[in-house]
Amino acid sequence: MIISRTPLRMSFVGGGSDLPSYYRQHGGAVLSTAVDKYVYVSVNKKFDGGIRIAYSKTEEVDHIEKIEHRLVRATLQMLEIPGGIEVTSTADIPSRGTGLGSSSAFTVGLINVLSAYLGRHVSAEQLGRLSCEIEIDRCGEPIGKQDQYASAYGGLSLIEFKPDDSVLVTPLVLQRKIREAVESNILVFYTGITRSASGILKEQSSNVADSAGKQKMLNRMVELVYELRDELQSGHLDSMGEILDENWRLKKQLASGITSNAIDDWYVKAKVNGALGGKLLGAGAGGFLMFYAPSERHDAIEKALGLRRIHFGFEPLGSRIIFYNPTDL
């Protein structure tokens, strides 16, 4: 048996600039961190042949083409694994529609564990690039590239998307006390609303391609990425709340389904009770709400919102093989 562990991610600013409709013209950037919540994928040789896939449902098939799970099917095809295999997935957080990049984390972890099954080492760059090929090129998902690279590399990073489709990941170098202060000032709530990002991202991509005004908004969001990097490296921590707040105000205008009355109400209540800024994680419409606030205001914000609070820590490492026992294969 072989098991991979792949972190989910929390994106701060620049989301949407990783869509090809934008970065192929202007270049994009996000600032994000991997977090200490994970997707686990295990693989084992199947004793009686065939293919067994266990996730939120279980599939037993005798040929790759019969697999319903598109990401698994495409990955097995890409790696030329014909069958005789069992793949199982579990996660610390609900696996879809929560804005933490779970589908991409699953794909990264799947490629990692199946490559280990084949006796191959894959770098973080390869994991990010191949998972984008699986999700975007082979499966046609209308998503960007940030989630795959955040999960593959781990850490708090500036991720840049070049017009030639290349991606550059640069770790953010911060003093330890600054990194710990940023981490301690972040609080995250689960809205209880799950959603598909596909429709929102399709509309957003179309809007940005057709509207100079939307492009200007994303231009500003990319500028905020570099401003936040500079402010954090200078130790100006309170600027993070202001930058998050401006980024959220811009992001809400990119597509119609990004926010809702309930989300706007929670956001206002959080600011009234001491939050300096925040955002909805992921494409929008549901999932997790993240705020930046002095730690002494966290209890008041939690009480005002009445939502389930989830504690997240930063994760310095990307996807890893955490169990490897080739003698079982």
Protein backbone atom coordinates (compact mmCIF):
# COMPACT_ATOMS: atom_id res chain seq x y z
CA MET A 1 0.00 0.00 0.00
CA ILE A 2 1.05 3.60 -0.68
CA ILE A 3 -0.61 6.71 0.80
CA SER A 4 -0.21 10.35 -0.21
CA ARG A 5 -1.15 13.35 1.93
CA THR A 6 -1.88 16.60 0.11
CA PRO A 7 -2.74 19.93 1.76
CA LEU A 8 -5.75 22.08 0.96
CA ARG A 9 -5.13 25.76 0.36
CA MET A 10 -6.29 29.18 1.50
CA SER A 11 -6.06 31.93 -1.13
CA PHE A 12 -5.72 35.53 0.04
CA VAL A 13 -5.59 37.86 -2.98
CA GLY A 14 -5.50 37.68 -6.76
CA GLY A 15 -7.99 34.84 -7.28
CA GLY A 16 -9.37 34.82 -10.82
CA SER A 17 -6.16 36.06 -12.41
CA ASP A 18 -5.15 32.39 -12.77
CA LEU A 19 -7.85 31.85 -15.42
CA PRO A 20 -6.47 31.66 -18.97
CA SER A 21 -8.91 34.32 -20.22
CA TYR A 22 -6.93 36.78 -18.10
CA TYR A 23 -3.35 35.57 -17.56
CA ARG A 24 -2.69 34.80 -21.24
CA GLN A 25 -3.13 38.51 -21.94
CA HIS A 26 -1.95 40.21 -18.78
CA GLY A 27 -0.17 37.64 -16.61
CA GLY A 28 -1.70 36.78 -13.25
CA ALA A 29 -0.65 36.31 -9.62
CA VAL A 30 -2.08 35.09 -6.33
CA LEU A 31 -0.79 34.99 -2.79
CA SER A 32 -1.92 31.87 -0.96
CA THR A 33 -0.92 29.30 1.64
CA ALA A 34 -1.32 25.59 2.05
CA VAL A 35 -3.16 24.70 5.28
CA ASP A 36 -3.04 21.84 7.76
CA LYS A 37 -6.15 20.10 6.43
CA TYR A 38 -5.50 17.32 3.95
CA VAL A 39 -6.72 14.98 1.25
CA TYR A 40 -5.42 11.39 1.59
CA VAL A 41 -5.23 9.04 -1.38
CA SER A 42 -4.18 5.41 -1.02
CA VAL A 43 -3.41 2.86 -3.71
CA ASN A 44 -3.00 -0.88 -3.50
CA LYS A 45 -2.77 -3.75 -5.94
CA LYS A 46 -6.19 -5.35 -6.37
CA PHE A 47 -6.00 -9.06 -5.60
CA ASP A 48 -8.53 -10.23 -8.17
CA GLY A 49 -7.80 -7.71 -10.94
CA GLY A 50 -10.18 -5.04 -12.19
CA ILE A 51 -10.42 -1.55 -10.70
CA ARG A 52 -11.98 -0.42 -7.44
CA ILE A 53 -12.43 3.28 -6.63
CA ALA A 54 -13.72 4.36 -3.20
CA TYR A 55 -14.59 8.00 -2.50
CA SER A 56 -18.07 9.32 -1.62
CA LYS A 57 -19.28 6.29 -3.57
CA THR A 58 -17.65 3.00 -4.56
CA GLU A 59 -17.02 1.89 -8.12
CA GLU A 60 -16.06 -1.65 -9.19
CA VAL A 61 -15.27 -1.88 -12.90
CA ASP A 62 -13.28 -4.08 -15.23
CA HIS A 63 -11.97 -1.37 -17.56
CA ILE A 64 -10.75 2.24 -17.26
CA GLU A 65 -13.38 3.62 -19.66
CA LYS A 66 -16.14 2.46 -17.32
CA ILE A 67 -14.92 4.60 -14.39
CA GLU A 68 -17.40 7.39 -13.61
CA HIS A 69 -14.95 9.54 -11.63
CA ARG A 70 -13.48 11.67 -14.39
CA LEU A 71 -10.31 12.68 -12.57
CA VAL A 72 -9.45 9.10 -11.68
CA ARG A 73 -10.22 7.88 -15.18
CA ALA A 74 -8.12 10.61 -16.83
CA THR A 75 -5.19 10.09 -14.45
CA LEU A 76 -5.08 6.32 -14.97
CA GLN A 77 -5.19 6.91 -18.72
CA MET A 78 -2.43 9.51 -18.63
CA LEU A 79 -0.16 7.28 -16.54
CA GLU A 80 -1.10 4.24 -18.64
CA ILE A 81 -2.25 2.10 -15.71
CA PRO A 82 -4.68 -0.44 -17.22
CA GLY A 83 -6.16 -1.86 -14.01
CA GLY A 84 -5.52 -4.32 -11.23
CA ILE A 85 -5.60 -1.46 -8.77
CA GLU A 86 -7.59 -0.11 -5.83
CA VAL A 87 -7.76 3.64 -5.09
CA THR A 88 -9.31 5.14 -1.95
CA SER A 89 -9.72 8.80 -0.99
CA THR A 90 -10.61 10.53 2.29
CA ALA A 91 -10.37 14.15 3.43
CA ASP A 92 -10.31 16.23 6.61
CA ILE A 93 -12.82 18.70 5.16
CA PRO A 94 -15.94 18.09 3.01
CA SER A 95 -14.50 17.20 -0.37
CA ARG A 96 -16.36 19.50 -2.76
CA GLY A 97 -17.75 23.01 -2.90
CA THR A 98 -15.95 24.46 0.12
CA GLY A 99 -13.46 26.79 -1.59
CA LEU A 100 -10.31 25.10 -0.30
CA GLY A 101 -9.21 23.56 -3.59
CA SER A 102 -10.13 20.01 -2.64
CA SER A 103 -10.59 18.68 -6.18
CA SER A 104 -7.15 19.91 -7.19
CA ALA A 105 -5.60 18.59 -3.96
CA PHE A 106 -7.15 15.21 -4.76
CA THR A 107 -5.73 15.27 -8.29
CA VAL A 108 -2.27 16.26 -7.07
CA GLY A 109 -2.34 13.51 -4.45
CA LEU A 110 -3.63 10.96 -6.95
CA ILE A 111 -0.83 11.68 -9.42
CA ASN A 112 1.70 11.55 -6.60
CA VAL A 113 0.55 8.20 -5.21
CA LEU A 114 0.08 6.55 -8.61
CA SER A 115 3.53 7.73 -9.70
CA ALA A 116 4.97 6.15 -6.55
CA TYR A 117 3.03 2.98 -7.41
CA LEU A 118 4.88 2.97 -10.75
CA GLY A 119 8.21 3.58 -9.02
CA ARG A 120 8.53 7.13 -10.33
CA HIS A 121 9.46 10.32 -8.47
CA VAL A 122 7.58 13.47 -9.45
CA SER A 123 8.64 16.98 -8.48
CA ALA A 124 6.30 19.67 -7.15
CA GLU A 125 6.49 21.41 -10.53
CA GLN A 126 5.46 18.22 -12.30
CA LEU A 127 2.61 17.61 -9.86
CA GLY A 128 1.25 21.11 -10.44
CA ARG A 129 1.61 20.95 -14.22
CA LEU A 130 0.22 17.43 -14.63
CA SER A 131 -2.75 18.06 -12.36
CA CYS A 132 -3.61 21.14 -14.47
CA GLU A 133 -3.41 18.94 -17.57
CA ILE A 134 -5.79 16.44 -15.98
CA GLU A 135 -8.38 18.92 -14.69
CA ILE A 136 -8.29 21.64 -17.34
CA ASP A 137 -7.10 19.99 -20.57
CA ARG A 138 -8.39 16.41 -20.27
CA CYS A 139 -11.49 16.93 -18.11
CA GLY A 140 -12.43 20.40 -19.38
CA GLU A 141 -12.93 22.00 -15.97
CA PRO A 142 -13.32 25.83 -16.32
CA ILE A 143 -10.90 26.47 -13.45
CA GLY A 144 -7.60 28.23 -12.91
CA LYS A 145 -4.16 26.97 -11.94
CA GLN A 146 -3.58 28.25 -8.43
CA ASP A 147 -5.05 25.32 -6.47
CA GLN A 148 -2.89 22.67 -8.12
CA TYR A 149 0.39 24.50 -7.52
CA ALA A 150 -0.51 25.54 -3.97
CA SER A 151 -1.18 21.91 -3.03
CA ALA A 152 1.87 20.60 -4.89
CA TYR A 153 4.37 23.06 -3.40
CA GLY A 154 2.87 23.86 0.01
CA GLY A 155 3.87 26.86 2.08
CA LEU A 156 2.95 30.54 1.92
CA SER A 157 3.78 31.57 -1.63
CA LEU A 158 3.46 34.07 -4.44
CA ILE A 159 2.26 32.12 -7.49
CA GLU A 160 2.59 33.85 -10.86
CA PHE A 161 0.88 32.78 -14.09
CA LYS A 162 2.72 33.80 -17.25
CA PRO A 163 1.12 34.46 -20.66
CA ASP A 164 3.07 31.49 -22.09
CA ASP A 165 1.24 29.18 -19.60
CA SER A 166 4.30 28.73 -17.37
CA VAL A 167 3.88 29.08 -13.60
CA LEU A 168 6.40 30.48 -11.12
CA VAL A 169 6.09 29.67 -7.41
CA THR A 170 8.09 31.88 -5.02
CA PRO A 171 7.96 31.17 -1.27
CA LEU A 172 7.22 34.24 0.82
CA VAL A 173 10.18 34.82 3.12
CA LEU A 174 8.96 36.21 6.45
CA GLN A 175 10.43 36.46 9.90
CA ARG A 176 9.06 33.71 12.10
CA LYS A 177 7.30 36.12 14.46
CA ILE A 178 5.55 37.83 11.54
CA ARG A 179 4.41 34.55 10.04
CA GLU A 180 3.07 33.39 13.40
CA ALA A 181 1.27 36.72 13.92
CA VAL A 182 -0.41 36.50 10.52
CA GLU A 183 -1.47 32.93 11.24
CA SER A 184 -2.87 33.79 14.67
CA ASN A 185 -4.92 36.72 13.30
CA ILE A 186 -6.77 34.61 10.75
CA LEU A 187 -10.09 33.02 11.64
CA VAL A 188 -12.27 30.92 9.37
CA PHE A 189 -15.94 29.97 9.49
CA TYR A 190 -17.88 27.30 7.64
CA THR A 191 -21.03 28.77 6.08
CA GLY A 192 -22.66 25.37 5.67
CA ILE A 193 -23.27 26.20 2.01
CA THR A 194 -21.61 24.05 -0.65
CA ARG A 195 -21.61 24.97 -4.32
CA SER A 196 -20.11 24.13 -7.69
CA ALA A 197 -17.47 26.61 -8.78
CA SER A 198 -17.87 25.78 -12.48
CA GLY A 199 -20.79 28.08 -13.26
CA ILE A 200 -19.30 31.03 -11.38
CA LEU A 201 -15.91 30.59 -13.02
CA LYS A 202 -17.42 30.28 -16.50
CA GLU A 203 -19.32 33.55 -16.03
CA GLN A 204 -16.30 35.27 -14.51
CA SER A 205 -14.04 34.15 -17.35
CA SER A 206 -16.55 35.38 -19.93
CA ASN A 207 -17.03 38.70 -18.13
CA VAL A 208 -13.31 39.36 -17.91
CA ALA A 209 -12.77 38.50 -21.57
CA ASP A 210 -15.57 40.81 -22.73
CA SER A 211 -15.33 43.76 -20.33
CA ALA A 212 -12.49 46.26 -20.01
CA GLY A 213 -13.95 47.26 -16.64
CA LYS A 214 -13.69 43.72 -15.29
CA GLN A 215 -10.13 43.49 -16.60
CA LYS A 216 -9.24 46.65 -14.70
CA MET A 217 -10.66 45.12 -11.52
CA LEU A 218 -8.47 42.05 -11.95
CA ASN A 219 -5.50 44.28 -12.79
CA ARG A 220 -5.97 45.93 -9.42
CA MET A 221 -6.37 42.58 -7.66
CA VAL A 222 -3.03 41.47 -9.12
CA GLU A 223 -1.44 44.73 -7.90
CA LEU A 224 -2.79 43.90 -4.43
CA VAL A 225 -0.90 40.60 -4.51
CA TYR A 226 2.43 42.41 -4.73
CA GLU A 227 1.34 45.07 -2.24
CA LEU A 228 0.44 42.38 0.30
CA ARG A 229 3.76 40.62 -0.28
CA ASP A 230 5.67 43.86 0.31
CA GLU A 231 3.62 44.83 3.37
CA LEU A 232 4.07 41.44 5.03
CA GLN A 233 7.78 41.38 4.33
CA SER A 234 8.02 44.87 5.87
CA GLY A 235 6.12 43.72 8.96
CA HIS A 236 3.08 45.95 8.34
CA LEU A 237 0.53 43.35 9.42
CA ASP A 238 -2.56 45.54 9.71
CA SER A 239 -2.32 46.29 5.99
CA MET A 240 -3.35 42.69 5.34
CA GLY A 241 -6.89 43.39 6.54
CA GLU A 242 -7.22 46.47 4.34
CA ILE A 243 -5.88 44.63 1.28
CA LEU A 244 -8.19 41.65 1.86
CA ASP A 245 -11.13 44.01 2.17
CA GLU A 246 -10.36 45.80 -1.11
CA ASN A 247 -9.75 42.49 -2.87
CA TRP A 248 -13.13 41.16 -1.69
CA ARG A 249 -14.98 44.30 -2.82
CA LEU A 250 -13.46 43.91 -6.29
CA LYS A 251 -13.97 40.14 -6.47
CA LYS A 252 -17.69 40.43 -5.72
CA GLN A 253 -18.13 42.44 -8.92
CA LEU A 254 -16.55 39.88 -11.28
CA ALA A 255 -19.59 37.56 -11.51
CA SER A 256 -23.19 37.53 -10.29
CA GLY A 257 -23.02 34.44 -8.08
CA ILE A 258 -19.93 35.20 -6.03
CA THR A 259 -21.77 36.52 -2.96
CA SER A 260 -25.27 36.49 -1.46
CA ASN A 261 -27.31 38.45 1.06
CA ALA A 262 -26.39 36.00 3.82
CA ILE A 263 -22.66 36.19 3.02
CA ASP A 264 -22.76 39.99 2.85
CA ASP A 265 -24.57 40.10 6.20
CA TRP A 266 -21.96 37.86 7.86
CA TYR A 267 -19.19 40.00 6.42
CA VAL A 268 -20.69 43.22 7.77
CA LYS A 269 -21.21 41.68 11.23
CA ALA A 270 -17.59 40.53 11.30
CA LYS A 271 -16.30 44.00 10.45
CA VAL A 272 -18.56 45.64 13.04
CA ASN A 273 -17.05 43.33 15.63
CA GLY A 274 -13.42 43.97 14.80
CA ALA A 275 -12.47 42.23 11.54
CA LEU A 276 -10.14 44.34 9.42
CA GLY A 277 -10.99 42.51 6.22
CA GLY A 278 -11.74 39.11 4.80
CA LYS A 279 -13.13 37.15 1.89
CA LEU A 280 -15.04 34.08 0.87
CA LEU A 281 -12.55 31.36 0.01
CA GLY A 282 -12.68 29.88 -3.48
CA ALA A 283 -14.86 30.95 -6.40
CA GLY A 284 -17.70 32.21 -4.20
CA ALA A 285 -21.33 31.54 -3.20
CA GLY A 286 -20.51 29.32 -0.19
CA GLY A 287 -17.87 27.30 1.57
CA PHE A 288 -15.62 29.07 4.07
CA LEU A 289 -15.47 32.70 5.16
CA MET A 290 -12.02 33.90 6.20
CA PHE A 291 -11.33 37.07 8.22
CA TYR A 292 -8.24 38.89 9.40
CA ALA A 293 -8.67 40.40 12.85
CA PRO A 294 -6.70 40.99 16.06
CA SER A 295 -6.85 37.78 18.07
CA GLU A 296 -8.59 39.54 20.97
CA ARG A 297 -11.58 40.21 18.66
CA HIS A 298 -12.00 36.61 17.53
CA ASP A 299 -14.46 35.55 20.21
CA ALA A 300 -16.70 38.56 19.57
CA ILE A 301 -16.72 37.87 15.83
CA GLU A 302 -17.51 34.20 16.40
CA LYS A 303 -20.41 35.09 18.68
CA ALA A 304 -21.81 37.65 16.24
CA LEU A 305 -21.74 35.32 13.24
CA GLY A 306 -23.05 32.18 14.94
CA LEU A 307 -21.20 30.01 12.41
CA ARG A 308 -19.01 27.00 13.02
CA ARG A 309 -15.42 28.10 13.41
CA ILE A 310 -12.68 25.88 11.96
CA HIS A 311 -9.07 26.31 13.11
CA PHE A 312 -6.50 26.32 10.32
CA GLY A 313 -2.73 26.43 10.52
CA PHE A 314 -0.24 27.08 7.75
CA GLU A 315 1.34 24.00 6.16
CA PRO A 316 4.93 24.41 4.90
CA LEU A 317 4.99 21.20 2.85
CA GLY A 318 3.19 20.19 -0.30
CA SER A 319 1.95 16.77 -1.35
CA ARG A 320 3.92 13.96 0.28
CA ILE A 321 4.04 10.18 0.28
CA ILE A 322 3.49 9.38 3.95
CA PHE A 323 3.33 5.58 3.71
CA TYR A 324 5.19 3.38 1.25
CA ASN A 325 5.23 -0.39 1.45
CA PRO A 326 6.15 -1.76 -1.98
CA THR A 327 6.40 -5.31 -0.64
CA ASP A 328 2.60 -5.38 -0.69
CA LEU A 329 2.49 -4.68 -4.42
